[in-house]
């Protein structure tokens, strides 16, 4: 592909996937780093576009790049925080507003739950939240469809338990 074709393909990818990529960034980076992670995802997709071999759907391929970039970012972020602790960094989970709407409360609860998940659990949960088809999700994660279904089932149970605990503590 020439440069103009690459740009056109990239812009189409961006248009279709920006929301997904933003969601991934939201789950793997906190506060001020989210936009930086999103930019890194965009950069990695752009850089990798030349090597796309059409073995998978392009959106699936790009999602996998976004997820791998986020996992790498998460590892680097932990090293950065050890070197430069940020006393002003507040996680979404620590922000409470008595006047928040139901949607904000639900989003906060979802963010709290996602923050408790391991990196691999987070990836499965994100794929589910993005309504990714099972075959595509298992392909992105590099696991069998059965393994994906089992992991998703366990996460749903875990979420139900966390939700029930939250509701009981709110009473």
C-alpha atoms as a PDB file:
ATOM      1  CA  UNK A   1       0.000   0.000   0.000  1.00  0.00           C
ATOM      2  CA  UNK A   2       1.158   3.506  -0.706  1.00  0.00           C
ATOM      3  CA  UNK A   3       1.028   6.299   1.857  1.00  0.00           C
ATOM      4  CA  UNK A   4      -2.367   7.621   0.721  1.00  0.00           C
ATOM      5  CA  UNK A   5      -3.902   4.151   0.941  1.00  0.00           C
ATOM      6  CA  UNK A   6      -2.387   3.633   4.399  1.00  0.00           C
ATOM      7  CA  UNK A   7      -3.804   6.949   5.574  1.00  0.00           C
ATOM      8  CA  UNK A   8      -7.256   6.097   4.240  1.00  0.00           C
ATOM      9  CA  UNK A   9      -7.244   2.672   5.914  1.00  0.00           C
ATOM     10  CA  UNK A  10      -5.995   4.210   9.178  1.00  0.00           C
ATOM     11  CA  UNK A  11      -8.704   6.880   9.163  1.00  0.00           C
ATOM     12  CA  UNK A  12     -11.382   4.236   8.574  1.00  0.00           C
ATOM     13  CA  UNK A  13      -9.966   2.173  11.434  1.00  0.00           C
ATOM     14  CA  UNK A  14      -9.901   5.221  13.671  1.00  0.00           C
ATOM     15  CA  UNK A  15     -13.492   6.098  12.849  1.00  0.00           C
ATOM     16  CA  UNK A  16     -14.755   2.573  13.615  1.00  0.00           C
ATOM     17  CA  UNK A  17     -12.581   1.865  16.661  1.00  0.00           C
ATOM     18  CA  UNK A  18     -11.875   5.119  18.511  1.00  0.00           C
ATOM     19  CA  UNK A  19     -14.524   4.343  21.138  1.00  0.00           C
ATOM     20  CA  UNK A  20     -13.125   0.865  21.746  1.00  0.00           C
ATOM     21  CA  UNK A  21      -9.570   2.161  21.950  1.00  0.00           C
ATOM     22  CA  UNK A  22     -10.659   4.916  24.364  1.00  0.00           C
ATOM     23  CA  UNK A  23     -12.335   2.289  26.538  1.00  0.00           C
ATOM     24  CA  UNK A  24      -9.180   0.211  26.600  1.00  0.00           C
ATOM     25  CA  UNK A  25      -7.124   3.279  27.548  1.00  0.00           C
ATOM     26  CA  UNK A  26      -9.620   4.081  30.312  1.00  0.00           C
ATOM     27  CA  UNK A  27      -9.121   0.633  31.827  1.00  0.00           C
ATOM     28  CA  UNK A  28      -5.330   0.544  31.668  1.00  0.00           C
ATOM     29  CA  UNK A  29      -4.353   4.148  32.448  1.00  0.00           C
ATOM     30  CA  UNK A  30      -5.458   6.506  35.153  1.00  0.00           C
ATOM     31  CA  UNK A  31      -6.523  10.107  34.913  1.00  0.00           C
ATOM     32  CA  UNK A  32      -4.080  12.233  32.992  1.00  0.00           C
ATOM     33  CA  UNK A  33      -2.320   9.266  31.376  1.00  0.00           C
ATOM     34  CA  UNK A  34      -5.410   8.085  29.484  1.00  0.00           C
ATOM     35  CA  UNK A  35      -5.001  10.475  26.604  1.00  0.00           C
ATOM     36  CA  UNK A  36      -1.289   9.634  26.410  1.00  0.00           C
ATOM     37  CA  UNK A  37      -2.109   5.928  26.218  1.00  0.00           C
ATOM     38  CA  UNK A  38      -4.730   6.546  23.539  1.00  0.00           C
ATOM     39  CA  UNK A  39      -2.128   8.450  21.508  1.00  0.00           C
ATOM     40  CA  UNK A  40       0.316   5.564  21.954  1.00  0.00           C
ATOM     41  CA  UNK A  41      -2.342   3.129  20.724  1.00  0.00           C
ATOM     42  CA  UNK A  42      -2.949   5.268  17.646  1.00  0.00           C
ATOM     43  CA  UNK A  43       0.776   5.482  16.985  1.00  0.00           C
ATOM     44  CA  UNK A  44       1.283   1.716  17.307  1.00  0.00           C
ATOM     45  CA  UNK A  45      -1.659   0.949  15.009  1.00  0.00           C
ATOM     46  CA  UNK A  46      -0.295   3.417  12.448  1.00  0.00           C
ATOM     47  CA  UNK A  47       3.232   1.990  12.646  1.00  0.00           C
ATOM     48  CA  UNK A  48       1.964  -1.582  12.360  1.00  0.00           C
ATOM     49  CA  UNK A  49      -0.408  -0.953   9.495  1.00  0.00           C
ATOM     50  CA  UNK A  50       2.302  -1.568   6.900  1.00  0.00           C
ATOM     51  CA  UNK A  51       2.805  -5.080   8.248  1.00  0.00           C
ATOM     52  CA  UNK A  52      -0.907  -6.057   8.265  1.00  0.00           C
ATOM     53  CA  UNK A  53      -1.097  -9.406   6.479  1.00  0.00           C
ATOM     54  CA  UNK A  54      -4.906  -9.820   6.278  1.00  0.00           C
ATOM     55  CA  UNK A  55      -4.848 -13.069   8.259  1.00  0.00           C
ATOM     56  CA  UNK A  56      -7.482 -11.663  10.618  1.00  0.00           C
ATOM     57  CA  UNK A  57     -10.129  -8.973  10.237  1.00  0.00           C
ATOM     58  CA  UNK A  58      -8.424  -5.600  10.364  1.00  0.00           C
ATOM     59  CA  UNK A  59     -10.536  -4.439  13.337  1.00  0.00           C
ATOM     60  CA  UNK A  60      -9.607  -7.586  15.277  1.00  0.00           C
ATOM     61  CA  UNK A  61      -5.951  -7.104  14.384  1.00  0.00           C
ATOM     62  CA  UNK A  62      -6.068  -3.444  15.491  1.00  0.00           C
ATOM     63  CA  UNK A  63      -7.865  -4.331  18.732  1.00  0.00           C
ATOM     64  CA  UNK A  64      -5.105  -6.771  19.547  1.00  0.00           C
ATOM     65  CA  UNK A  65      -2.496  -4.056  18.952  1.00  0.00           C
ATOM     66  CA  UNK A  66      -4.457  -1.682  21.203  1.00  0.00           C
ATOM     67  CA  UNK A  67      -4.695  -4.295  23.936  1.00  0.00           C
ATOM     68  CA  UNK A  68      -1.016  -5.274  23.728  1.00  0.00           C
ATOM     69  CA  UNK A  69       0.007  -1.595  23.718  1.00  0.00           C
ATOM     70  CA  UNK A  70      -2.096  -1.051  26.840  1.00  0.00           C
ATOM     71  CA  UNK A  71      -0.618  -4.055  28.622  1.00  0.00           C
ATOM     72  CA  UNK A  72       2.876  -2.808  27.804  1.00  0.00           C
ATOM     73  CA  UNK A  73       1.877   0.696  28.962  1.00  0.00           C
ATOM     74  CA  UNK A  74       0.576  -0.738  32.236  1.00  0.00           C
ATOM     75  CA  UNK A  75       3.916  -2.444  32.924  1.00  0.00           C
ATOM     76  CA  UNK A  76       5.851   0.745  32.075  1.00  0.00           C
ATOM     77  CA  UNK A  77       3.443   2.827  34.156  1.00  0.00           C
ATOM     78  CA  UNK A  78       4.175   0.776  37.268  1.00  0.00           C
ATOM     79  CA  UNK A  79       7.886   1.418  36.777  1.00  0.00           C
ATOM     80  CA  UNK A  80       7.222   5.145  36.266  1.00  0.00           C
ATOM     81  CA  UNK A  81       5.147   5.322  39.450  1.00  0.00           C
ATOM     82  CA  UNK A  82       7.908   3.644  41.441  1.00  0.00           C
ATOM     83  CA  UNK A  83      10.369   6.267  40.228  1.00  0.00           C
ATOM     84  CA  UNK A  84       8.028   9.278  40.342  1.00  0.00           C
ATOM     85  CA  UNK A  85       5.153   8.839  42.803  1.00  0.00           C
ATOM     86  CA  UNK A  86       2.309  11.265  42.083  1.00  0.00           C
ATOM     87  CA  UNK A  87       0.651  12.500  45.248  1.00  0.00           C
ATOM     88  CA  UNK A  88      -2.055  14.313  43.275  1.00  0.00           C
ATOM     89  CA  UNK A  89      -3.121  11.324  41.173  1.00  0.00           C
ATOM     90  CA  UNK A  90      -6.701  10.359  42.030  1.00  0.00           C
ATOM     91  CA  UNK A  91      -8.346   7.241  40.707  1.00  0.00           C
ATOM     92  CA  UNK A  92     -11.932   7.372  39.524  1.00  0.00           C
ATOM     93  CA  UNK A  93     -12.836   4.968  42.315  1.00  0.00           C
ATOM     94  CA  UNK A  94     -11.810   7.534  44.944  1.00  0.00           C
ATOM     95  CA  UNK A  95     -13.997  10.295  43.511  1.00  0.00           C
ATOM     96  CA  UNK A  96     -17.432  10.441  45.065  1.00  0.00           C
ATOM     97  CA  UNK A  97     -20.184  12.949  44.437  1.00  0.00           C
ATOM     98  CA  UNK A  98     -23.439  12.787  46.320  1.00  0.00           C
ATOM     99  CA  UNK A  99     -25.223  14.458  43.386  1.00  0.00           C
ATOM    100  CA  UNK A 100     -23.970  12.017  40.744  1.00  0.00           C
ATOM    101  CA  UNK A 101     -26.452  10.584  38.288  1.00  0.00           C
ATOM    102  CA  UNK A 102     -27.288   6.913  38.095  1.00  0.00           C
ATOM    103  CA  UNK A 103     -25.172   6.522  34.952  1.00  0.00           C
ATOM    104  CA  UNK A 104     -22.175   8.082  36.689  1.00  0.00           C
ATOM    105  CA  UNK A 105     -22.676   5.828  39.714  1.00  0.00           C
ATOM    106  CA  UNK A 106     -22.885   2.774  37.464  1.00  0.00           C
ATOM    107  CA  UNK A 107     -19.763   3.845  35.580  1.00  0.00           C
ATOM    108  CA  UNK A 108     -17.932   4.382  38.856  1.00  0.00           C
ATOM    109  CA  UNK A 109     -19.001   0.942  40.082  1.00  0.00           C
ATOM    110  CA  UNK A 110     -17.849  -0.621  36.808  1.00  0.00           C
ATOM    111  CA  UNK A 111     -14.519   1.221  37.038  1.00  0.00           C
ATOM    112  CA  UNK A 112     -14.127   0.014  40.639  1.00  0.00           C
ATOM    113  CA  UNK A 113     -14.745  -3.568  39.541  1.00  0.00           C
ATOM    114  CA  UNK A 114     -12.392  -3.341  36.564  1.00  0.00           C
ATOM    115  CA  UNK A 115      -9.669  -1.963  38.848  1.00  0.00           C
ATOM    116  CA  UNK A 116      -9.817  -5.192  40.882  1.00  0.00           C
ATOM    117  CA  UNK A 117      -9.215  -7.423  37.861  1.00  0.00           C
ATOM    118  CA  UNK A 118      -5.909  -8.845  36.698  1.00  0.00           C
ATOM    119  CA  UNK A 119      -4.610  -7.757  33.300  1.00  0.00           C
ATOM    120  CA  UNK A 120      -5.870 -10.899  31.590  1.00  0.00           C
ATOM    121  CA  UNK A 121      -9.280 -10.709  33.286  1.00  0.00           C
ATOM    122  CA  UNK A 122      -9.526  -7.051  32.289  1.00  0.00           C
ATOM    123  CA  UNK A 123      -8.885  -7.960  28.656  1.00  0.00           C
ATOM    124  CA  UNK A 124     -11.662 -10.587  28.659  1.00  0.00           C
ATOM    125  CA  UNK A 125     -14.078  -8.201  30.367  1.00  0.00           C
ATOM    126  CA  UNK A 126     -13.299  -5.389  27.919  1.00  0.00           C
ATOM    127  CA  UNK A 127     -13.902  -7.643  24.938  1.00  0.00           C
ATOM    128  CA  UNK A 128     -17.255  -8.613  26.437  1.00  0.00           C
ATOM    129  CA  UNK A 129     -18.198  -4.982  27.102  1.00  0.00           C
ATOM    130  CA  UNK A 130     -17.303  -4.184  23.499  1.00  0.00           C
ATOM    131  CA  UNK A 131     -19.777  -6.877  22.346  1.00  0.00           C
ATOM    132  CA  UNK A 132     -16.967  -8.699  20.592  1.00  0.00           C
ATOM    133  CA  UNK A 133     -18.046 -12.012  19.087  1.00  0.00           C
ATOM    134  CA  UNK A 134     -16.679 -15.036  20.944  1.00  0.00           C
ATOM    135  CA  UNK A 135     -14.607 -16.249  18.004  1.00  0.00           C
ATOM    136  CA  UNK A 136     -13.096 -12.815  17.460  1.00  0.00           C
ATOM    137  CA  UNK A 137     -12.445 -12.311  21.193  1.00  0.00           C
ATOM    138  CA  UNK A 138     -10.723 -15.667  21.576  1.00  0.00           C
ATOM    139  CA  UNK A 139      -8.652 -14.893  18.476  1.00  0.00           C
ATOM    140  CA  UNK A 140      -7.552 -11.542  19.931  1.00  0.00           C
ATOM    141  CA  UNK A 141      -6.563 -13.192  23.211  1.00  0.00           C
ATOM    142  CA  UNK A 142      -4.946 -16.185  21.534  1.00  0.00           C
ATOM    143  CA  UNK A 143      -7.030 -18.703  23.480  1.00  0.00           C
ATOM    144  CA  UNK A 144      -9.689 -21.245  22.538  1.00  0.00           C
ATOM    145  CA  UNK A 145     -13.352 -20.321  22.420  1.00  0.00           C
ATOM    146  CA  UNK A 146     -14.036 -22.660  25.337  1.00  0.00           C
ATOM    147  CA  UNK A 147     -11.345 -20.980  27.460  1.00  0.00           C
ATOM    148  CA  UNK A 148     -12.822 -17.568  26.641  1.00  0.00           C
ATOM    149  CA  UNK A 149     -16.339 -18.719  27.637  1.00  0.00           C
ATOM    150  CA  UNK A 150     -15.064 -20.130  30.942  1.00  0.00           C
ATOM    151  CA  UNK A 151     -13.146 -16.953  31.782  1.00  0.00           C
ATOM    152  CA  UNK A 152     -16.130 -14.781  30.882  1.00  0.00           C
ATOM    153  CA  UNK A 153     -18.486 -16.917  32.974  1.00  0.00           C
ATOM    154  CA  UNK A 154     -16.166 -16.597  35.989  1.00  0.00           C
ATOM    155  CA  UNK A 155     -15.943 -12.836  35.508  1.00  0.00           C
ATOM    156  CA  UNK A 156     -19.709 -12.482  35.339  1.00  0.00           C
ATOM    157  CA  UNK A 157     -20.023 -14.405  38.617  1.00  0.00           C
ATOM    158  CA  UNK A 158     -17.303 -12.245  40.167  1.00  0.00           C
ATOM    159  CA  UNK A 159     -19.104  -9.091  39.024  1.00  0.00           C
ATOM    160  CA  UNK A 160     -22.427 -10.322  40.451  1.00  0.00           C
ATOM    161  CA  UNK A 161     -20.763 -10.970  43.804  1.00  0.00           C
ATOM    162  CA  UNK A 162     -19.087  -7.550  43.806  1.00  0.00           C
ATOM    163  CA  UNK A 163     -22.386  -5.895  42.879  1.00  0.00           C
ATOM    164  CA  UNK A 164     -24.255  -7.713  45.645  1.00  0.00           C
ATOM    165  CA  UNK A 165     -21.617  -6.693  48.216  1.00  0.00           C
ATOM    166  CA  UNK A 166     -21.823  -3.094  47.067  1.00  0.00           C
ATOM    167  CA  UNK A 167     -25.623  -3.119  47.326  1.00  0.00           C
ATOM    168  CA  UNK A 168     -25.524  -4.672  50.798  1.00  0.00           C
ATOM    169  CA  UNK A 169     -22.988  -2.125  52.025  1.00  0.00           C
ATOM    170  CA  UNK A 170     -25.102   0.718  50.618  1.00  0.00           C
ATOM    171  CA  UNK A 171     -28.094  -0.310  52.795  1.00  0.00           C
END
